[in-house]
Amino acid sequence: MREYVIMTDSCCDLTDHMAKELELTVVPLTVHIDGHDYPNLLDGSAISFEDFYGKIRGGVLATTSAANVGQFQEAMRPILAAGKDIVSINFSRALSTYQSACIAAQDMKEEFPDANIYVVDSLSASLGQGLLLYLTVQKKREGLSAQELVQWVEDNKLHIDHWFTVDDLNYLKMGGRLSAGAAFFGSMLSIKPVMHTSDEGKLVPVSKVRGRKASLKALIDKIAELGIEPSEQVMFICHADCEVEARAVAEEMKARYGVKEVYINYIGPVIGSHTGPNTMGIFFVGTKR
């Protein structure tokens, strides 16, 4: 069986430590803010998470760009030159990045005709993508070949539940996911949307609740509705600079469902640019999305 490397992009929002522990090759996207371009690095070394959220809380607008074909080629070439294959599991094509990886893979096949390069649309984002990668690496360590691993991802990716809430509706308005009127009246009434990532990899509003506390409870309730043996799972939480609340949510998940471990990390600048500060998401394995 040929040796292979799992590649992804920085929208997985894993900690840098975990990405290294999982032996992932990570291609960064880019955030443009305050007149500067910063790679969305997992360790926050280009722009710290605190600095980024401090800027957007202060009203600075941020835009983003996907990882380009050249970045993927640069990451793929040394792996292929070492005689290894690649399984690239990427940020949802409905949002960004996947197409660049596909084009890069086609180009690299011309340069390395004997190599196998598999590009997979995770249909996921943030730590939903991260959780899928975490589980995928466990399967690789069980001895699955690259081809078997790709099939496992395809069979299981729609069981990675993404449930999240945003605190400021204006960021959804700016991203075109909410009308100006709905954002205005929702903000006046302290309406918080409960959203998920659909089977098509798109961000979809599911319900609305009044107040932050109710929105966080609604996320936790989804585990009871959809979770498969929650007490046997490792679950993930992402947050946009609201770590104290995230830790409280993690403790509630453990108390209610006996979840054995919950990993918590920041939402990186690329996704945070579109969701705004105080966004929170939970990710787990469920019967369906």
Protein backbone atom coordinates (compact mmCIF):
# COMPACT_ATOMS: atom_id res chain seq x y z
CA MET A 1 0.00 0.00 0.00
CA ARG A 2 1.42 3.38 -1.03
CA GLU A 3 2.03 5.92 1.70
CA TYR A 4 -0.19 8.98 1.56
CA VAL A 5 -0.65 12.39 3.18
CA ILE A 6 -3.91 14.06 4.19
CA MET A 7 -4.09 17.67 3.02
CA THR A 8 -6.65 20.33 3.92
CA ASP A 9 -7.02 24.11 4.19
CA SER A 10 -7.01 26.50 7.11
CA CYS A 11 -10.80 26.82 7.25
CA CYS A 12 -10.70 23.59 9.27
CA ASP A 13 -10.03 25.87 12.29
CA LEU A 14 -8.10 23.18 14.16
CA THR A 15 -5.41 24.30 16.56
CA ASP A 16 -1.95 24.29 15.05
CA HIS A 17 -0.93 21.72 17.67
CA MET A 18 -3.73 19.34 16.71
CA ALA A 19 -3.07 19.73 12.97
CA LYS A 20 0.55 18.75 13.56
CA GLU A 21 -0.46 15.87 15.81
CA LEU A 22 -2.78 14.63 13.05
CA GLU A 23 0.08 15.07 10.52
CA LEU A 24 -2.00 17.26 8.22
CA THR A 25 -0.63 19.47 5.46
CA VAL A 26 -2.61 22.73 5.69
CA VAL A 27 -2.96 25.31 2.89
CA PRO A 28 -3.94 28.79 4.19
CA LEU A 29 -6.68 31.05 2.89
CA THR A 30 -6.22 34.84 3.18
CA VAL A 31 -7.98 37.62 5.07
CA HIS A 32 -7.72 41.26 3.95
CA ILE A 33 -8.19 43.76 6.77
CA ASP A 34 -7.06 47.28 7.59
CA GLY A 35 -5.06 47.55 4.35
CA HIS A 36 -3.10 44.33 4.89
CA ASP A 37 -3.26 40.76 3.65
CA TYR A 38 -2.79 38.03 6.24
CA PRO A 39 -2.63 34.29 5.67
CA ASN A 40 -5.21 32.54 7.85
CA LEU A 41 -2.64 30.45 9.73
CA LEU A 42 -3.84 28.01 12.37
CA ASP A 43 -1.43 29.33 14.99
CA GLY A 44 -2.55 32.95 14.51
CA SER A 45 1.03 34.04 13.89
CA ALA A 46 0.18 36.31 10.93
CA ILE A 47 -2.61 38.08 12.82
CA SER A 48 -3.65 36.90 16.26
CA PHE A 49 -7.25 35.90 16.87
CA GLU A 50 -7.50 38.57 19.58
CA ASP A 51 -6.19 41.29 17.25
CA PHE A 52 -8.48 40.22 14.42
CA TYR A 53 -11.63 40.23 16.53
CA GLY A 54 -10.56 43.45 18.21
CA LYS A 55 -10.43 45.11 14.80
CA ILE A 56 -13.82 43.92 13.60
CA ARG A 57 -15.43 44.73 16.94
CA GLY A 58 -14.11 48.24 16.30
CA GLY A 59 -15.89 48.40 12.96
CA VAL A 60 -13.04 47.49 10.59
CA LEU A 61 -14.34 45.51 7.60
CA ALA A 62 -12.57 42.34 6.48
CA THR A 63 -12.72 40.48 3.17
CA THR A 64 -11.32 37.08 2.29
CA SER A 65 -9.89 35.10 -0.60
CA ALA A 66 -9.64 31.37 -1.18
CA ALA A 67 -6.40 29.42 -1.42
CA ASN A 68 -5.35 29.54 -5.06
CA VAL A 69 -4.14 26.85 -7.43
CA GLY A 70 -0.50 27.84 -7.01
CA GLN A 71 -0.67 27.42 -3.23
CA PHE A 72 -2.03 23.90 -3.59
CA GLN A 73 0.59 23.04 -6.22
CA GLU A 74 3.33 24.31 -3.92
CA ALA A 75 2.02 22.17 -1.07
CA MET A 76 1.48 19.07 -3.23
CA ARG A 77 4.78 19.01 -5.13
CA PRO A 78 7.18 17.94 -2.33
CA ILE A 79 4.76 15.23 -1.17
CA LEU A 80 4.46 13.78 -4.66
CA ALA A 81 8.20 14.12 -5.26
CA ALA A 82 8.72 11.94 -2.17
CA GLY A 83 6.64 9.20 -3.82
CA LYS A 84 3.57 9.66 -1.63
CA ASP A 85 -0.07 10.01 -2.64
CA ILE A 86 -2.45 12.76 -1.43
CA VAL A 87 -5.98 12.82 -0.03
CA SER A 88 -7.09 16.47 0.00
CA ILE A 89 -10.20 17.14 2.11
CA ASN A 90 -11.33 20.71 1.56
CA PHE A 91 -13.62 23.50 2.73
CA SER A 92 -17.10 23.15 1.22
CA ARG A 93 -17.25 23.90 -2.50
CA ALA A 94 -20.43 25.87 -1.78
CA LEU A 95 -18.27 28.35 0.11
CA SER A 96 -14.70 28.28 -1.25
CA THR A 97 -11.39 26.50 -2.08
CA TYR A 98 -12.38 23.05 -3.41
CA GLN A 99 -12.08 24.01 -7.07
CA SER A 100 -8.52 25.28 -6.64
CA ALA A 101 -7.49 21.93 -5.16
CA CYS A 102 -9.10 20.09 -8.10
CA ILE A 103 -7.25 22.17 -10.70
CA ALA A 104 -3.96 21.80 -8.83
CA ALA A 105 -4.44 18.03 -8.66
CA GLN A 106 -5.02 17.84 -12.43
CA ASP A 107 -1.88 19.88 -13.09
CA MET A 108 0.22 17.80 -10.69
CA LYS A 109 -0.89 14.56 -12.38
CA GLU A 110 0.84 15.75 -15.54
CA GLU A 111 4.05 16.28 -13.58
CA PHE A 112 3.70 13.08 -11.51
CA PRO A 113 1.72 10.65 -13.71
CA ASP A 114 2.14 7.69 -11.33
CA ALA A 115 0.76 9.55 -8.33
CA ASN A 116 -2.74 9.25 -6.91
CA ILE A 117 -4.33 12.54 -5.84
CA TYR A 118 -7.83 12.40 -4.40
CA VAL A 119 -9.71 15.68 -3.84
CA VAL A 120 -12.76 15.47 -1.58
CA ASP A 121 -15.38 18.14 -0.92
CA SER A 122 -15.95 17.95 2.84
CA LEU A 123 -19.27 19.80 2.51
CA SER A 124 -18.16 21.20 5.86
CA ALA A 125 -16.72 24.33 7.40
CA SER A 126 -14.76 25.42 10.47
CA LEU A 127 -14.49 22.73 13.12
CA GLY A 128 -17.07 20.63 11.28
CA GLN A 129 -14.34 20.23 8.69
CA GLY A 130 -11.92 19.83 11.60
CA LEU A 131 -13.99 17.05 13.20
CA LEU A 132 -14.23 15.23 9.88
CA LEU A 133 -10.44 15.42 9.54
CA TYR A 134 -9.95 14.23 13.13
CA LEU A 135 -12.12 11.17 12.51
CA THR A 136 -10.54 10.56 9.11
CA VAL A 137 -7.05 10.43 10.59
CA GLN A 138 -8.22 7.84 13.12
CA LYS A 139 -9.37 5.71 10.18
CA LYS A 140 -6.04 6.18 8.40
CA ARG A 141 -4.27 5.01 11.55
CA GLU A 142 -6.46 1.89 11.52
CA GLY A 143 -4.80 1.00 8.23
CA LEU A 144 -7.19 2.19 5.52
CA SER A 145 -5.65 2.77 2.10
CA ALA A 146 -6.05 6.16 0.45
CA GLN A 147 -8.87 4.88 -1.74
CA GLU A 148 -10.63 3.23 1.20
CA LEU A 149 -10.25 6.43 3.22
CA VAL A 150 -11.83 8.53 0.48
CA GLN A 151 -14.80 6.16 0.40
CA TRP A 152 -15.12 6.36 4.19
CA VAL A 153 -15.19 10.18 4.02
CA GLU A 154 -17.84 10.13 1.28
CA ASP A 155 -19.95 7.69 3.31
CA ASN A 156 -19.70 9.64 6.57
CA LYS A 157 -19.32 13.35 5.87
CA LEU A 158 -23.07 14.04 5.95
CA HIS A 159 -23.18 12.72 9.51
CA ILE A 160 -21.01 15.60 10.75
CA ASP A 161 -23.54 17.96 12.32
CA HIS A 162 -22.80 21.71 12.25
CA TRP A 163 -25.05 23.82 14.50
CA PHE A 164 -24.24 27.43 15.26
CA THR A 165 -25.60 30.81 16.20
CA VAL A 166 -24.44 34.33 15.47
CA ASP A 167 -24.67 37.29 17.81
CA ASP A 168 -24.77 40.19 15.33
CA LEU A 169 -27.13 39.78 12.37
CA ASN A 170 -25.39 42.54 10.42
CA TYR A 171 -22.56 40.19 9.44
CA LEU A 172 -25.06 37.82 7.81
CA LYS A 173 -26.61 40.83 6.08
CA MET A 174 -23.22 41.92 4.69
CA GLY A 175 -22.62 38.37 3.46
CA GLY A 176 -25.94 38.37 1.61
CA ARG A 177 -27.52 35.70 3.82
CA LEU A 178 -30.05 38.03 5.47
CA SER A 179 -32.00 41.04 4.24
CA ALA A 180 -31.30 44.48 5.68
CA GLY A 181 -34.83 44.68 7.09
CA ALA A 182 -34.60 41.28 8.78
CA ALA A 183 -31.24 42.22 10.29
CA PHE A 184 -32.57 45.54 11.59
CA PHE A 185 -35.73 44.17 13.21
CA GLY A 186 -33.97 41.04 14.42
CA SER A 187 -31.34 43.11 16.17
CA MET A 188 -34.00 45.31 17.78
CA LEU A 189 -35.81 42.24 19.14
CA SER A 190 -32.59 40.44 20.14
CA ILE A 191 -33.39 37.62 17.70
CA LYS A 192 -30.62 35.06 17.33
CA PRO A 193 -30.73 32.65 14.38
CA VAL A 194 -29.95 28.98 14.86
CA MET A 195 -28.23 27.78 11.68
CA HIS A 196 -26.60 24.69 10.28
CA THR A 197 -24.54 23.58 7.31
CA SER A 198 -26.79 21.72 4.90
CA ASP A 199 -26.17 18.53 2.92
CA GLU A 200 -25.10 20.84 0.07
CA GLY A 201 -22.48 22.50 2.29
CA LYS A 202 -24.38 25.80 2.51
CA LEU A 203 -25.13 27.90 5.58
CA VAL A 204 -28.87 27.66 6.22
CA PRO A 205 -31.02 29.37 8.91
CA VAL A 206 -33.21 26.78 10.65
CA SER A 207 -34.96 28.65 13.47
CA LYS A 208 -34.94 31.86 15.49
CA VAL A 209 -34.88 32.35 19.23
CA ARG A 210 -34.88 35.43 21.41
CA GLY A 211 -31.72 36.07 23.39
CA ARG A 212 -28.23 34.66 23.60
CA LYS A 213 -28.93 32.16 26.37
CA ALA A 214 -31.78 30.60 24.41
CA SER A 215 -29.67 30.35 21.26
CA LEU A 216 -26.89 28.48 23.04
CA LYS A 217 -29.41 26.14 24.65
CA ALA A 218 -30.89 25.44 21.20
CA LEU A 219 -27.47 24.30 19.98
CA ILE A 220 -27.01 21.93 22.92
CA ASP A 221 -30.55 20.54 22.45
CA LYS A 222 -29.63 19.41 18.93
CA ILE A 223 -27.33 16.76 20.39
CA ALA A 224 -30.33 15.06 22.02
CA GLU A 225 -32.27 15.25 18.76
CA LEU A 226 -29.56 14.06 16.36
CA GLY A 227 -26.48 12.79 18.21
CA ILE A 228 -25.38 9.15 17.87
CA GLU A 229 -24.29 7.79 21.28
CA PRO A 230 -23.14 11.22 22.55
CA SER A 231 -21.35 9.75 25.56
CA GLU A 232 -18.99 7.88 23.22
CA GLN A 233 -18.11 10.89 21.09
CA VAL A 234 -15.45 13.55 20.94
CA MET A 235 -17.18 16.83 20.05
CA PHE A 236 -15.85 20.19 18.88
CA ILE A 237 -16.85 23.79 19.65
CA CYS A 238 -15.72 26.84 17.68
CA HIS A 239 -16.11 30.39 18.95
CA ALA A 240 -15.52 33.90 17.67
CA ASP A 241 -13.79 35.42 20.70
CA CYS A 242 -16.24 34.19 23.33
CA GLU A 243 -14.23 31.46 24.99
CA VAL A 244 -15.84 31.74 28.43
CA GLU A 245 -19.26 30.99 26.94
CA ALA A 246 -17.79 28.17 24.85
CA ARG A 247 -16.37 26.52 27.96
CA ALA A 248 -19.74 26.82 29.68
CA VAL A 249 -21.41 25.17 26.70
CA ALA A 250 -18.82 22.37 26.79
CA GLU A 251 -19.51 21.72 30.47
CA GLU A 252 -23.25 21.58 29.77
CA MET A 253 -22.65 19.09 26.93
CA LYS A 254 -20.66 16.88 29.29
CA ALA A 255 -23.21 17.19 32.09
CA ARG A 256 -26.28 16.47 29.93
CA TYR A 257 -24.90 13.83 27.61
CA GLY A 258 -21.75 12.47 29.20
CA VAL A 259 -19.63 13.62 26.25
CA LYS A 260 -16.17 12.32 27.02
CA GLU A 261 -14.13 15.13 25.47
CA VAL A 262 -14.83 18.52 23.91
CA TYR A 263 -12.20 20.40 21.90
CA ILE A 264 -12.59 24.19 21.79
CA ASN A 265 -10.90 26.61 19.41
CA TYR A 266 -11.29 30.00 17.75
CA ILE A 267 -13.10 30.53 14.50
CA GLY A 268 -10.29 31.73 12.26
CA PRO A 269 -10.27 35.14 10.55
CA VAL A 270 -11.56 33.89 7.19
CA ILE A 271 -14.80 32.43 8.55
CA GLY A 272 -14.97 35.01 11.34
CA SER A 273 -15.04 37.78 8.72
CA HIS A 274 -18.42 36.48 7.56
CA THR A 275 -19.97 35.48 10.89
CA GLY A 276 -18.75 38.25 13.20
CA PRO A 277 -17.68 38.15 16.84
CA ASN A 278 -19.46 35.96 19.43
CA THR A 279 -20.50 33.38 16.85
CA MET A 280 -20.48 29.87 18.32
CA GLY A 281 -20.81 26.46 16.71
CA ILE A 282 -20.96 22.89 17.96
CA PHE A 283 -20.03 19.83 15.92
CA PHE A 284 -20.82 16.17 16.50
CA VAL A 285 -21.68 12.92 14.72
CA GLY A 286 -25.42 12.62 14.10
CA THR A 287 -28.03 10.55 12.35
CA LYS A 288 -28.26 13.28 9.74
CA ARG A 289 -27.27 16.92 9.37
